[in-house]
Amino acid sequence: MRQAAEQGFTLLEMLVALAVLSLAVLALVNLAGENARTEGVVEARTFAAVVAENRAVEALTSREPPALGETNGTEEEASRIWRWTRSVSETSEAEILRVDIAVMLQNDDQILSEVTVFRGRR
């Protein structure tokens, strides 16, 4: 027959085990929340990059080169309104223009995507 000390865990051992388990569960919950926040940022940056690339393709494929200076506009993509800014400037080469495009959410000033392309004047 077993002695009393060999029959199972003590109350103190159970409390320590539960404390360790609760710390592990809290860490996992925190990790899951961080993953959800990161997913939202990655999604926003991906769609902002799509908008920036759309504006860049438009600047490269239009018959006439874009006018020098800054142009602003909005575009709907993925059920969100995106605000973009296109800045066209001259380069050291007379026949080449630099086109910088920045995209952000409509109600935010944080730039989520930037694209720079070069285009001929003709």
PDB file of N, CA and C in Angstrom:
ATOM      1  N   MET A   1       0.827  -1.164   0.000  1.00  0.00           N
ATOM      2  CA  MET A   1       0.000   0.000   0.000  1.00  0.00           C
ATOM      3  C   MET A   1       0.886   1.247   0.000  1.00  0.00           C
ATOM      4  N   ARG A   2       0.431   2.330  -0.752  1.00  0.00           N
ATOM      5  CA  ARG A   2       1.217   3.549  -0.884  1.00  0.00           C
ATOM      6  C   ARG A   2       1.084   4.416   0.358  1.00  0.00           C
ATOM      7  N   GLN A   3       2.107   5.217   0.552  1.00  0.00           N
ATOM      8  CA  GLN A   3       2.059   6.179   1.657  1.00  0.00           C
ATOM      9  C   GLN A   3       1.331   7.442   1.186  1.00  0.00           C
ATOM     10  N   ALA A   4       0.891   8.277   2.096  1.00  0.00           N
ATOM     11  CA  ALA A   4       0.102   9.466   1.765  1.00  0.00           C
ATOM     12  C   ALA A   4       0.874  10.445   0.888  1.00  0.00           C
ATOM     13  N   ALA A   5       2.183  10.570   1.068  1.00  0.00           N
ATOM     14  CA  ALA A   5       2.984  11.519   0.302  1.00  0.00           C
ATOM     15  C   ALA A   5       3.135  11.089  -1.149  1.00  0.00           C
ATOM     16  N   GLU A   6       2.894   9.835  -1.474  1.00  0.00           N
ATOM     17  CA  GLU A   6       3.084   9.332  -2.835  1.00  0.00           C
ATOM     18  C   GLU A   6       1.774   9.262  -3.624  1.00  0.00           C
ATOM     19  N   GLN A   7       0.670   9.682  -3.099  1.00  0.00           N
ATOM     20  CA  GLN A   7      -0.614   9.476  -3.755  1.00  0.00           C
ATOM     21  C   GLN A   7      -0.971  10.550  -4.781  1.00  0.00           C
ATOM     22  N   GLY A   8      -0.325  11.701  -4.856  1.00  0.00           N
ATOM     23  CA  GLY A   8      -0.672  12.722  -5.842  1.00  0.00           C
ATOM     24  C   GLY A   8       0.040  14.024  -5.572  1.00  0.00           C
ATOM     25  N   PHE A   9      -0.410  15.052  -6.289  1.00  0.00           N
ATOM     26  CA  PHE A   9       0.192  16.372  -6.157  1.00  0.00           C
ATOM     27  C   PHE A   9      -0.343  17.071  -4.922  1.00  0.00           C
ATOM     28  N   THR A  10       0.496  17.934  -4.380  1.00  0.00           N
ATOM     29  CA  THR A  10       0.037  18.756  -3.261  1.00  0.00           C
ATOM     30  C   THR A  10      -0.680  19.983  -3.817  1.00  0.00           C
ATOM     31  N   LEU A  11      -1.385  20.663  -2.976  1.00  0.00           N
ATOM     32  CA  LEU A  11      -2.100  21.867  -3.395  1.00  0.00           C
ATOM     33  C   LEU A  11      -1.131  22.925  -3.908  1.00  0.00           C
ATOM     34  N   LEU A  12       0.015  23.072  -3.290  1.00  0.00           N
ATOM     35  CA  LEU A  12       1.018  24.038  -3.717  1.00  0.00           C
ATOM     36  C   LEU A  12       1.535  23.698  -5.115  1.00  0.00           C
ATOM     37  N   GLU A  13       1.788  22.430  -5.380  1.00  0.00           N
ATOM     38  CA  GLU A  13       2.252  22.012  -6.713  1.00  0.00           C
ATOM     39  C   GLU A  13       1.189  22.313  -7.775  1.00  0.00           C
ATOM     40  N   MET A  14      -0.064  22.110  -7.454  1.00  0.00           N
ATOM     41  CA  MET A  14      -1.146  22.397  -8.398  1.00  0.00           C
ATOM     42  C   MET A  14      -1.240  23.899  -8.676  1.00  0.00           C
ATOM     43  N   LEU A  15      -1.086  24.731  -7.651  1.00  0.00           N
ATOM     44  CA  LEU A  15      -1.140  26.180  -7.843  1.00  0.00           C
ATOM     45  C   LEU A  15       0.016  26.670  -8.710  1.00  0.00           C
ATOM     46  N   VAL A  16       1.189  26.134  -8.513  1.00  0.00           N
ATOM     47  CA  VAL A  16       2.343  26.510  -9.343  1.00  0.00           C
ATOM     48  C   VAL A  16       2.120  26.074 -10.785  1.00  0.00           C
ATOM     49  N   ALA A  17       1.620  24.866 -10.989  1.00  0.00           N
ATOM     50  CA  ALA A  17       1.355  24.382 -12.340  1.00  0.00           C
ATOM     51  C   ALA A  17       0.307  25.248 -13.034  1.00  0.00           C
ATOM     52  N   LEU A  18      -0.748  25.632 -12.339  1.00  0.00           N
ATOM     53  CA  LEU A  18      -1.771  26.498 -12.920  1.00  0.00           C
ATOM     54  C   LEU A  18      -1.221  27.891 -13.243  1.00  0.00           C
ATOM     55  N   ALA A  19      -0.343  28.402 -12.410  1.00  0.00           N
ATOM     56  CA  ALA A  19       0.259  29.714 -12.671  1.00  0.00           C
ATOM     57  C   ALA A  19       1.114  29.671 -13.934  1.00  0.00           C
ATOM     58  N   VAL A  20       1.900  28.631 -14.095  1.00  0.00           N
ATOM     59  CA  VAL A  20       2.736  28.477 -15.299  1.00  0.00           C
ATOM     60  C   VAL A  20       1.851  28.328 -16.532  1.00  0.00           C
ATOM     61  N   LEU A  21       0.810  27.526 -16.423  1.00  0.00           N
ATOM     62  CA  LEU A  21      -0.110  27.331 -17.542  1.00  0.00           C
ATOM     63  C   LEU A  21      -0.808  28.641 -17.917  1.00  0.00           C
ATOM     64  N   SER A  22      -1.218  29.425 -16.917  1.00  0.00           N
ATOM     65  CA  SER A  22      -1.904  30.693 -17.212  1.00  0.00           C
ATOM     66  C   SER A  22      -0.964  31.682 -17.887  1.00  0.00           C
ATOM     67  N   LEU A  23       0.305  31.705 -17.520  1.00  0.00           N
ATOM     68  CA  LEU A  23       1.272  32.572 -18.196  1.00  0.00           C
ATOM     69  C   LEU A  23       1.437  32.169 -19.654  1.00  0.00           C
ATOM     70  N   ALA A  24       1.484  30.892 -19.929  1.00  0.00           N
ATOM     71  CA  ALA A  24       1.603  30.415 -21.302  1.00  0.00           C
ATOM     72  C   ALA A  24       0.365  30.784 -22.116  1.00  0.00           C
ATOM     73  N   VAL A  25      -0.809  30.642 -21.535  1.00  0.00           N
ATOM     74  CA  VAL A  25      -2.049  30.990 -22.239  1.00  0.00           C
ATOM     75  C   VAL A  25      -2.103  32.488 -22.515  1.00  0.00           C
ATOM     76  N   LEU A  26      -1.712  33.328 -21.563  1.00  0.00           N
ATOM     77  CA  LEU A  26      -1.683  34.772 -21.777  1.00  0.00           C
ATOM     78  C   LEU A  26      -0.731  35.150 -22.894  1.00  0.00           C
ATOM     79  N   ALA A  27       0.411  34.507 -22.955  1.00  0.00           N
ATOM     80  CA  ALA A  27       1.367  34.780 -24.039  1.00  0.00           C
ATOM     81  C   ALA A  27       0.774  34.410 -25.390  1.00  0.00           C
ATOM     82  N   LEU A  28       0.075  33.297 -25.470  1.00  0.00           N
ATOM     83  CA  LEU A  28      -0.550  32.889 -26.731  1.00  0.00           C
ATOM     84  C   LEU A  28      -1.674  33.832 -27.145  1.00  0.00           C
ATOM     85  N   VAL A  29      -2.460  34.294 -26.207  1.00  0.00           N
ATOM     86  CA  VAL A  29      -3.528  35.243 -26.517  1.00  0.00           C
ATOM     87  C   VAL A  29      -2.933  36.565 -27.021  1.00  0.00           C
ATOM     88  N   ASN A  30      -1.876  37.031 -26.388  1.00  0.00           N
ATOM     89  CA  ASN A  30      -1.197  38.246 -26.820  1.00  0.00           C
ATOM     90  C   ASN A  30      -0.642  38.070 -28.236  1.00  0.00           C
ATOM     91  N   LEU A  31      -0.068  36.946 -28.529  1.00  0.00           N
ATOM     92  CA  LEU A  31       0.472  36.659 -29.861  1.00  0.00           C
ATOM     93  C   LEU A  31      -0.636  36.655 -30.907  1.00  0.00           C
ATOM     94  N   ALA A  32      -1.761  36.073 -30.593  1.00  0.00           N
ATOM     95  CA  ALA A  32      -2.884  36.050 -31.536  1.00  0.00           C
ATOM     96  C   ALA A  32      -3.381  37.461 -31.816  1.00  0.00           C
ATOM     97  N   GLY A  33      -3.459  38.300 -30.806  1.00  0.00           N
ATOM     98  CA  GLY A  33      -3.880  39.689 -31.003  1.00  0.00           C
ATOM     99  C   GLY A  33      -2.897  40.467 -31.850  1.00  0.00           C
ATOM    100  N   GLU A  34      -1.627  40.254 -31.627  1.00  0.00           N
ATOM    101  CA  GLU A  34      -0.595  40.930 -32.417  1.00  0.00           C
ATOM    102  C   GLU A  34      -0.646  40.483 -33.871  1.00  0.00           C
ATOM    103  N   ASN A  35      -0.892  39.215 -34.097  1.00  0.00           N
ATOM    104  CA  ASN A  35      -1.021  38.712 -35.471  1.00  0.00           C
ATOM    105  C   ASN A  35      -2.206  39.353 -36.179  1.00  0.00           C
ATOM    106  N   ALA A  36      -3.299  39.544 -35.484  1.00  0.00           N
ATOM    107  CA  ALA A  36      -4.476  40.180 -36.088  1.00  0.00           C
ATOM    108  C   ALA A  36      -4.182  41.632 -36.447  1.00  0.00           C
ATOM    109  N   ARG A  37      -3.490  42.358 -35.575  1.00  0.00           N
ATOM    110  CA  ARG A  37      -3.129  43.743 -35.875  1.00  0.00           C
ATOM    111  C   ARG A  37      -2.173  43.815 -37.064  1.00  0.00           C
ATOM    112  N   THR A  38      -1.207  42.950 -37.110  1.00  0.00           N
ATOM    113  CA  THR A  38      -0.240  42.933 -38.210  1.00  0.00           C
ATOM    114  C   THR A  38      -0.922  42.595 -39.524  1.00  0.00           C
ATOM    115  N   GLU A  39      -1.871  41.693 -39.493  1.00  0.00           N
ATOM    116  CA  GLU A  39      -2.592  41.315 -40.716  1.00  0.00           C
ATOM    117  C   GLU A  39      -3.307  42.514 -41.302  1.00  0.00           C
ATOM    118  N   GLY A  40      -3.897  43.344 -40.480  1.00  0.00           N
ATOM    119  CA  GLY A  40      -4.586  44.535 -40.960  1.00  0.00           C
ATOM    120  C   GLY A  40      -3.636  45.520 -41.625  1.00  0.00           C
ATOM    121  N   VAL A  41      -2.465  45.705 -41.040  1.00  0.00           N
ATOM    122  CA  VAL A  41      -1.472  46.618 -41.614  1.00  0.00           C
ATOM    123  C   VAL A  41      -0.954  46.084 -42.943  1.00  0.00           C
ATOM    124  N   VAL A  42      -0.667  44.796 -43.001  1.00  0.00           N
ATOM    125  CA  VAL A  42      -0.170  44.201 -44.247  1.00  0.00           C
ATOM    126  C   VAL A  42      -1.222  44.305 -45.349  1.00  0.00           C
ATOM    127  N   GLU A  43      -2.472  44.065 -45.011  1.00  0.00           N
ATOM    128  CA  GLU A  43      -3.550  44.176 -45.997  1.00  0.00           C
ATOM    129  C   GLU A  43      -3.654  45.604 -46.524  1.00  0.00           C
ATOM    130  N   ALA A  44      -3.605  46.591 -45.632  1.00  0.00           N
ATOM    131  CA  ALA A  44      -3.701  47.989 -46.064  1.00  0.00           C
ATOM    132  C   ALA A  44      -2.525  48.367 -46.957  1.00  0.00           C
ATOM    133  N   ARG A  45      -1.329  47.944 -46.608  1.00  0.00           N
ATOM    134  CA  ARG A  45      -0.153  48.258 -47.439  1.00  0.00           C
ATOM    135  C   ARG A  45      -0.227  47.576 -48.799  1.00  0.00           C
ATOM    136  N   THR A  46      -0.765  46.376 -48.846  1.00  0.00           N
ATOM    137  CA  THR A  46      -0.893  45.660 -50.120  1.00  0.00           C
ATOM    138  C   THR A  46      -1.860  46.383 -51.050  1.00  0.00           C
ATOM    139  N   PHE A  47      -3.017  46.785 -50.554  1.00  0.00           N
ATOM    140  CA  PHE A  47      -3.971  47.492 -51.397  1.00  0.00           C
ATOM    141  C   PHE A  47      -3.471  48.883 -51.763  1.00  0.00           C
ATOM    142  N   ALA A  48      -2.748  49.530 -50.861  1.00  0.00           N
ATOM    143  CA  ALA A  48      -2.151  50.826 -51.191  1.00  0.00           C
ATOM    144  C   ALA A  48      -1.129  50.669 -52.318  1.00  0.00           C
ATOM    145  N   ALA A  49      -0.377  49.575 -52.309  1.00  0.00           N
ATOM    146  CA  ALA A  49       0.585  49.318 -53.388  1.00  0.00           C
ATOM    147  C   ALA A  49      -0.131  49.098 -54.717  1.00  0.00           C
ATOM    148  N   VAL A  50      -1.280  48.446 -54.691  1.00  0.00           N
ATOM    149  CA  VAL A  50      -2.069  48.248 -55.917  1.00  0.00           C
ATOM    150  C   VAL A  50      -2.519  49.602 -56.471  1.00  0.00           C
ATOM    151  N   VAL A  51      -2.995  50.484 -55.601  1.00  0.00           N
ATOM    152  CA  VAL A  51      -3.423  51.813 -56.045  1.00  0.00           C
ATOM    153  C   VAL A  51      -2.241  52.590 -56.617  1.00  0.00           C
ATOM    154  N   ALA A  52      -1.094  52.550 -55.947  1.00  0.00           N
ATOM    155  CA  ALA A  52       0.094  53.260 -56.426  1.00  0.00           C
ATOM    156  C   ALA A  52       0.532  52.729 -57.789  1.00  0.00           C
ATOM    157  N   GLU A  53       0.525  51.419 -57.952  1.00  0.00           N
ATOM    158  CA  GLU A  53       0.915  50.842 -59.233  1.00  0.00           C
ATOM    159  C   GLU A  53      -0.092  51.196 -60.326  1.00  0.00           C
ATOM    160  N   ASN A  54      -1.383  51.271 -60.011  1.00  0.00           N
ATOM    161  CA  ASN A  54      -2.382  51.697 -60.991  1.00  0.00           C
ATOM    162  C   ASN A  54      -2.094  53.116 -61.475  1.00  0.00           C
ATOM    163  N   ARG A  55      -1.794  54.019 -60.554  1.00  0.00           N
ATOM    164  CA  ARG A  55      -1.475  55.401 -60.924  1.00  0.00           C
ATOM    165  C   ARG A  55      -0.183  55.457 -61.742  1.00  0.00           C
ATOM    166  N   ALA A  56       0.800  54.626 -61.400  1.00  0.00           N
ATOM    167  CA  ALA A  56       2.065  54.606 -62.146  1.00  0.00           C
ATOM    168  C   ALA A  56       1.843  54.109 -63.572  1.00  0.00           C
ATOM    169  N   VAL A  57       1.053  53.064 -63.728  1.00  0.00           N
ATOM    170  CA  VAL A  57       0.762  52.541 -65.069  1.00  0.00           C
ATOM    171  C   VAL A  57       0.018  53.586 -65.885  1.00  0.00           C
ATOM    172  N   GLU A  58      -0.895  54.277 -65.266  1.00  0.00           N
ATOM    173  CA  GLU A  58      -1.617  55.339 -65.968  1.00  0.00           C
ATOM    174  C   GLU A  58      -0.659  56.431 -66.442  1.00  0.00           C
ATOM    175  N   ALA A  59       0.278  56.827 -65.592  1.00  0.00           N
ATOM    176  CA  ALA A  59       1.247  57.859 -65.965  1.00  0.00           C
ATOM    177  C   ALA A  59       2.165  57.383 -67.091  1.00  0.00           C
ATOM    178  N   LEU A  60       2.495  56.101 -67.098  1.00  0.00           N
ATOM    179  CA  LEU A  60       3.405  55.569 -68.115  1.00  0.00           C
ATOM    180  C   LEU A  60       2.723  55.305 -69.454  1.00  0.00           C
ATOM    181  N   THR A  61       1.444  54.984 -69.443  1.00  0.00           N
ATOM    182  CA  THR A  61       0.779  54.558 -70.678  1.00  0.00           C
ATOM    183  C   THR A  61      -0.068  55.643 -71.338  1.00  0.00           C
ATOM    184  N   SER A  62      -0.258  56.781 -70.684  1.00  0.00           N
ATOM    185  CA  SER A  62      -1.059  57.836 -71.305  1.00  0.00           C
ATOM    186  C   SER A  62      -0.306  58.420 -72.500  1.00  0.00           C
ATOM    187  N   ARG A  63      -1.068  58.876 -73.491  1.00  0.00           N
ATOM    188  CA  ARG A  63      -0.454  59.440 -74.707  1.00  0.00           C
ATOM    189  C   ARG A  63       0.401  60.654 -74.382  1.00  0.00           C
ATOM    190  N   GLU A  64      -0.166  61.542 -73.601  1.00  0.00           N
ATOM    191  CA  GLU A  64       0.551  62.760 -73.222  1.00  0.00           C
ATOM    192  C   GLU A  64       1.209  62.553 -71.860  1.00  0.00           C
ATOM    193  N   PRO A  65       2.402  63.079 -71.668  1.00  0.00           N
ATOM    194  CA  PRO A  65       3.035  62.953 -70.347  1.00  0.00           C
ATOM    195  C   PRO A  65       2.253  63.756 -69.314  1.00  0.00           C
ATOM    196  N   PRO A  66       2.290  63.340 -68.078  1.00  0.00           N
ATOM    197  CA  PRO A  66       1.575  64.095 -67.040  1.00  0.00           C
ATOM    198  C   PRO A  66       2.192  65.479 -66.875  1.00  0.00           C
ATOM    199  N   ALA A  67       1.364  66.430 -66.469  1.00  0.00           N
ATOM    200  CA  ALA A  67       1.828  67.808 -66.285  1.00  0.00           C
ATOM    201  C   ALA A  67       2.767  67.892 -65.085  1.00  0.00           C
ATOM    202  N   LEU A  68       3.734  68.785 -65.205  1.00  0.00           N
ATOM    203  CA  LEU A  68       4.656  69.009 -64.087  1.00  0.00           C
ATOM    204  C   LEU A  68       3.883  69.540 -62.887  1.00  0.00           C
ATOM    205  N   GLY A  69       4.331  69.174 -61.701  1.00  0.00           N
ATOM    206  CA  GLY A  69       3.683  69.629 -60.480  1.00  0.00           C
ATOM    207  C   GLY A  69       3.002  68.496 -59.748  1.00  0.00           C
ATOM    208  N   GLU A  70       2.144  68.871 -58.819  1.00  0.00           N
ATOM    209  CA  GLU A  70       1.489  67.883 -57.955  1.00  0.00           C
ATOM    210  C   GLU A  70       0.015  67.747 -58.306  1.00  0.00           C
ATOM    211  N   THR A  71      -0.455  66.505 -58.336  1.00  0.00           N
ATOM    212  CA  THR A  71      -1.860  66.193 -58.583  1.00  0.00           C
ATOM    213  C   THR A  71      -2.349  65.286 -57.466  1.00  0.00           C
ATOM    214  N   ASN A  72      -3.568  65.508 -57.000  1.00  0.00           N
ATOM    215  CA  ASN A  72      -4.164  64.684 -55.944  1.00  0.00           C
ATOM    216  C   ASN A  72      -5.433  64.042 -56.472  1.00  0.00           C
ATOM    217  N   GLY A  73      -5.778  62.904 -55.900  1.00  0.00           N
ATOM    218  CA  GLY A  73      -7.012  62.251 -56.272  1.00  0.00           C
ATOM    219  C   GLY A  73      -7.366  61.158 -55.290  1.00  0.00           C
ATOM    220  N   THR A  74      -8.505  60.518 -55.541  1.00  0.00           N
ATOM    221  CA  THR A  74      -8.940  59.395 -54.719  1.00  0.00           C
ATOM    222  C   THR A  74      -9.308  58.238 -55.628  1.00  0.00           C
ATOM    223  N   GLU A  75      -9.273  57.052 -55.062  1.00  0.00           N
ATOM    224  CA  GLU A  75      -9.629  55.836 -55.790  1.00  0.00           C
ATOM    225  C   GLU A  75     -10.213  54.847 -54.794  1.00  0.00           C
ATOM    226  N   GLU A  76     -11.235  54.129 -55.221  1.00  0.00           N
ATOM    227  CA  GLU A  76     -11.806  53.102 -54.358  1.00  0.00           C
ATOM    228  C   GLU A  76     -11.198  51.759 -54.723  1.00  0.00           C
ATOM    229  N   GLU A  77     -10.735  51.067 -53.726  1.00  0.00           N
ATOM    230  CA  GLU A  77     -10.141  49.741 -53.891  1.00  0.00           C
ATOM    231  C   GLU A  77     -10.410  48.957 -52.624  1.00  0.00           C
ATOM    232  N   ALA A  78     -10.906  47.753 -52.769  1.00  0.00           N
ATOM    233  CA  ALA A  78     -11.172  46.862 -51.627  1.00  0.00           C
ATOM    234  C   ALA A  78     -12.117  47.524 -50.620  1.00  0.00           C
ATOM    235  N   SER A  79     -13.145  48.170 -51.116  1.00  0.00           N
ATOM    236  CA  SER A  79     -14.165  48.812 -50.292  1.00  0.00           C
ATOM    237  C   SER A  79     -13.604  49.895 -49.377  1.00  0.00           C
ATOM    238  N   ARG A  80     -12.503  50.493 -49.765  1.00  0.00           N
ATOM    239  CA  ARG A  80     -11.911  51.606 -49.019  1.00  0.00           C
ATOM    240  C   ARG A  80     -11.618  52.732 -50.002  1.00  0.00           C
ATOM    241  N   ILE A  81     -11.595  53.942 -49.488  1.00  0.00           N
ATOM    242  CA  ILE A  81     -11.234  55.097 -50.301  1.00  0.00           C
ATOM    243  C   ILE A  81      -9.766  55.420 -50.015  1.00  0.00           C
ATOM    244  N   TRP A  82      -8.974  55.459 -51.071  1.00  0.00           N
ATOM    245  CA  TRP A  82      -7.538  55.729 -50.968  1.00  0.00           C
ATOM    246  C   TRP A  82      -7.265  57.107 -51.556  1.00  0.00           C
ATOM    247  N   ARG A  83      -6.423  57.859 -50.896  1.00  0.00           N
ATOM    248  CA  ARG A  83      -6.017  59.171 -51.378  1.00  0.00           C
ATOM    249  C   ARG A  83      -4.608  59.048 -51.943  1.00  0.00           C
ATOM    250  N   TRP A  84      -4.391  59.566 -53.146  1.00  0.00           N
ATOM    251  CA  TRP A  84      -3.065  59.485 -53.746  1.00  0.00           C
ATOM    252  C   TRP A  84      -2.588  60.879 -54.154  1.00  0.00           C
ATOM    253  N   THR A  85      -1.267  61.025 -54.178  1.00  0.00           N
ATOM    254  CA  THR A  85      -0.625  62.257 -54.611  1.00  0.00           C
ATOM    255  C   THR A  85       0.415  61.885 -55.652  1.00  0.00           C
ATOM    256  N   ARG A  86       0.339  62.544 -56.807  1.00  0.00           N
ATOM    257  CA  ARG A  86       1.326  62.314 -57.871  1.00  0.00           C
ATOM    258  C   ARG A  86       2.117  63.596 -58.056  1.00  0.00           C
ATOM    259  N   SER A  87       3.432  63.483 -57.976  1.00  0.00           N
ATOM    260  CA  SER A  87       4.314  64.624 -58.149  1.00  0.00           C
ATOM    261  C   SER A  87       5.201  64.358 -59.358  1.00  0.00           C
ATOM    262  N   VAL A  88       5.118  65.249 -60.358  1.00  0.00           N
ATOM    263  CA  VAL A  88       5.902  65.095 -61.579  1.00  0.00           C
ATOM    264  C   VAL A  88       6.956  66.191 -61.597  1.00  0.00           C
ATOM    265  N   SER A  89       8.207  65.791 -61.797  1.00  0.00           N
ATOM    266  CA  SER A  89       9.305  66.757 -61.826  1.00  0.00           C
ATOM    267  C   SER A  89      10.276  66.412 -62.950  1.00  0.00           C
ATOM    268  N   GLU A  90      11.080  67.396 -63.299  1.00  0.00           N
ATOM    269  CA  GLU A  90      12.090  67.191 -64.335  1.00  0.00           C
ATOM    270  C   GLU A  90      13.298  66.491 -63.735  1.00  0.00           C
ATOM    271  N   THR A  91      14.080  65.851 -64.601  1.00  0.00           N
ATOM    272  CA  THR A  91      15.328  65.211 -64.186  1.00  0.00           C
ATOM    273  C   THR A  91      16.481  65.928 -64.867  1.00  0.00           C
ATOM    274  N   SER A  92      17.686  65.476 -64.631  1.00  0.00           N
ATOM    275  CA  SER A  92      18.845  66.083 -65.281  1.00  0.00           C
ATOM    276  C   SER A  92      18.847  65.804 -66.788  1.00  0.00           C
ATOM    277  N   GLU A  93      18.127  64.782 -67.208  1.00  0.00           N
ATOM    278  CA  GLU A  93      17.957  64.481 -68.627  1.00  0.00           C
ATOM    279  C   GLU A  93      16.721  65.227 -69.122  1.00  0.00           C
ATOM    280  N   ALA A  94      16.862  66.036 -70.133  1.00  0.00           N
ATOM    281  CA  ALA A  94      15.776  66.899 -70.596  1.00  0.00           C
ATOM    282  C   ALA A  94      14.551  66.121 -71.055  1.00  0.00           C
ATOM    283  N   GLU A  95      14.721  64.926 -71.593  1.00  0.00           N
ATOM    284  CA  GLU A  95      13.602  64.164 -72.155  1.00  0.00           C
ATOM    285  C   GLU A  95      12.956  63.192 -71.164  1.00  0.00           C
ATOM    286  N   ILE A  96      13.410  63.203 -69.910  1.00  0.00           N
ATOM    287  CA  ILE A  96      12.893  62.242 -68.930  1.00  0.00           C
ATOM    288  C   ILE A  96      12.227  62.978 -67.772  1.00  0.00           C
ATOM    289  N   LEU A  97      11.037  62.503 -67.393  1.00  0.00           N
ATOM    290  CA  LEU A  97      10.309  63.036 -66.245  1.00  0.00           C
ATOM    291  C   LEU A  97      10.320  62.012 -65.112  1.00  0.00           C
ATOM    292  N   ARG A  98      10.343  62.528 -63.905  1.00  0.00           N
ATOM    293  CA  ARG A  98      10.240  61.675 -62.708  1.00  0.00           C
ATOM    294  C   ARG A  98       8.819  61.808 -62.165  1.00  0.00           C
ATOM    295  N   VAL A  99       8.187  60.658 -61.909  1.00  0.00           N
ATOM    296  CA  VAL A  99       6.826  60.642 -61.382  1.00  0.00           C
ATOM    297  C   VAL A  99       6.842  59.904 -60.042  1.00  0.00           C
ATOM    298  N   ASP A 100       6.542  60.634 -58.965  1.00  0.00           N
ATOM    299  CA  ASP A 100       6.478  60.053 -57.619  1.00  0.00           C
ATOM    300  C   ASP A 100       5.017  59.962 -57.212  1.00  0.00           C
ATOM    301  N   ILE A 101       4.615  58.791 -56.722  1.00  0.00           N
ATOM    302  CA  ILE A 101       3.229  58.566 -56.306  1.00  0.00           C
ATOM    303  C   ILE A 101       3.229  58.071 -54.864  1.00  0.00           C
ATOM    304  N   ALA A 102       2.414  58.710 -54.034  1.00  0.00           N
ATOM    305  CA  ALA A 102       2.262  58.308 -52.631  1.00  0.00           C
ATOM    306  C   ALA A 102       0.789  58.023 -52.379  1.00  0.00           C
ATOM    307  N   VAL A 103       0.505  56.952 -51.632  1.00  0.00           N
ATOM    308  CA  VAL A 103      -0.875  56.538 -51.360  1.00  0.00           C
ATOM    309  C   VAL A 103      -1.079  56.393 -49.859  1.00  0.00           C
ATOM    310  N   MET A 104      -2.237  56.888 -49.395  1.00  0.00           N
ATOM    311  CA  MET A 104      -2.617  56.759 -47.994  1.00  0.00           C
ATOM    312  C   MET A 104      -4.121  56.558 -47.910  1.00  0.00           C
ATOM    313  N   LEU A 105      -4.598  56.131 -46.769  1.00  0.00           N
ATOM    314  CA  LEU A 105      -6.038  56.023 -46.568  1.00  0.00           C
ATOM    315  C   LEU A 105      -6.648  57.416 -46.567  1.00  0.00           C
ATOM    316  N   GLN A 106      -7.926  57.514 -46.904  1.00  0.00           N
ATOM    317  CA  GLN A 106      -8.574  58.809 -47.082  1.00  0.00           C
ATOM    318  C   GLN A 106      -8.463  59.701 -45.855  1.00  0.00           C
ATOM    319  N   ASN A 107      -8.651  59.154 -44.669  1.00  0.00           N
ATOM    320  CA  ASN A 107      -8.669  59.961 -43.448  1.00  0.00           C
ATOM    321  C   ASN A 107      -7.385  59.835 -42.635  1.00  0.00           C
ATOM    322  N   ASP A 108      -6.272  59.521 -43.304  1.00  0.00           N
ATOM    323  CA  ASP A 108      -5.016  59.306 -42.597  1.00  0.00           C
ATOM    324  C   ASP A 108      -3.898  59.961 -43.401  1.00  0.00           C
ATOM    325  N   ASP A 109      -2.897  60.486 -42.724  1.00  0.00           N
ATOM    326  CA  ASP A 109      -1.772  61.115 -43.407  1.00  0.00           C
ATOM    327  C   ASP A 109      -0.553  60.210 -43.505  1.00  0.00           C
ATOM    328  N   GLN A 110      -0.655  58.989 -42.988  1.00  0.00           N
ATOM    329  CA  GLN A 110       0.468  58.062 -43.054  1.00  0.00           C
ATOM    330  C   GLN A 110       0.540  57.447 -44.454  1.00  0.00           C
ATOM    331  N   ILE A 111       1.689  57.610 -45.099  1.00  0.00           N
ATOM    332  CA  ILE A 111       1.881  57.052 -46.433  1.00  0.00           C
ATOM    333  C   ILE A 111       2.087  55.541 -46.294  1.00  0.00           C
ATOM    334  N   LEU A 112       1.239  54.784 -47.001  1.00  0.00           N
ATOM    335  CA  LEU A 112       1.305  53.329 -46.916  1.00  0.00           C
ATOM    336  C   LEU A 112       2.072  52.720 -48.084  1.00  0.00           C
ATOM    337  N   SER A 113       2.153  53.445 -49.203  1.00  0.00           N
ATOM    338  CA  SER A 113       2.894  52.931 -50.353  1.00  0.00           C
ATOM    339  C   SER A 113       3.412  54.101 -51.174  1.00  0.00           C
ATOM    340  N   GLU A 114       4.613  53.946 -51.717  1.00  0.00           N
ATOM    341  CA  GLU A 114       5.216  54.941 -52.593  1.00  0.00           C
ATOM    342  C   GLU A 114       5.811  54.245 -53.804  1.00  0.00           C
ATOM    343  N   VAL A 115       5.656  54.881 -54.960  1.00  0.00           N
ATOM    344  CA  VAL A 115       6.221  54.346 -56.201  1.00  0.00           C
ATOM    345  C   VAL A 115       6.849  55.515 -56.948  1.00  0.00           C
ATOM    346  N   THR A 116       8.006  55.269 -57.535  1.00  0.00           N
ATOM    347  CA  THR A 116       8.656  56.252 -58.404  1.00  0.00           C
ATOM    348  C   THR A 116       8.891  55.591 -59.754  1.00  0.00           C
ATOM    349  N   VAL A 117       8.475  56.292 -60.824  1.00  0.00           N
ATOM    350  CA  VAL A 117       8.708  55.806 -62.183  1.00  0.00           C
ATOM    351  C   VAL A 117       9.294  56.957 -62.998  1.00  0.00           C
ATOM    352  N   PHE A 118       9.942  56.606 -64.085  1.00  0.00           N
ATOM    353  CA  PHE A 118      10.506  57.597 -64.996  1.00  0.00           C
ATOM    354  C   PHE A 118       9.856  57.395 -66.359  1.00  0.00           C
ATOM    355  N   ARG A 119       9.549  58.515 -66.997  1.00  0.00           N
ATOM    356  CA  ARG A 119       8.825  58.466 -68.257  1.00  0.00           C
ATOM    357  C   ARG A 119       9.402  59.512 -69.215  1.00  0.00           C
ATOM    358  N   GLY A 120       9.396  59.155 -70.486  1.00  0.00           N
ATOM    359  CA  GLY A 120       9.839  60.109 -71.495  1.00  0.00           C
ATOM    360  C   GLY A 120       8.788  61.191 -71.711  1.00  0.00           C
ATOM    361  N   ARG A 121       9.213  62.325 -72.222  1.00  0.00           N
ATOM    362  CA  ARG A 121       8.288  63.426 -72.486  1.00  0.00           C
ATOM    363  C   ARG A 121       7.402  63.150 -73.695  1.00  0.00           C
ATOM    364  N   ARG A 122       7.740  62.199 -74.498  1.00  0.00           N
ATOM    365  CA  ARG A 122       6.951  61.915 -75.719  1.00  0.00           C
ATOM    366  C   ARG A 122       6.170  60.649 -75.598  1.00  0.00           C
TER     367      ARG A 122
END
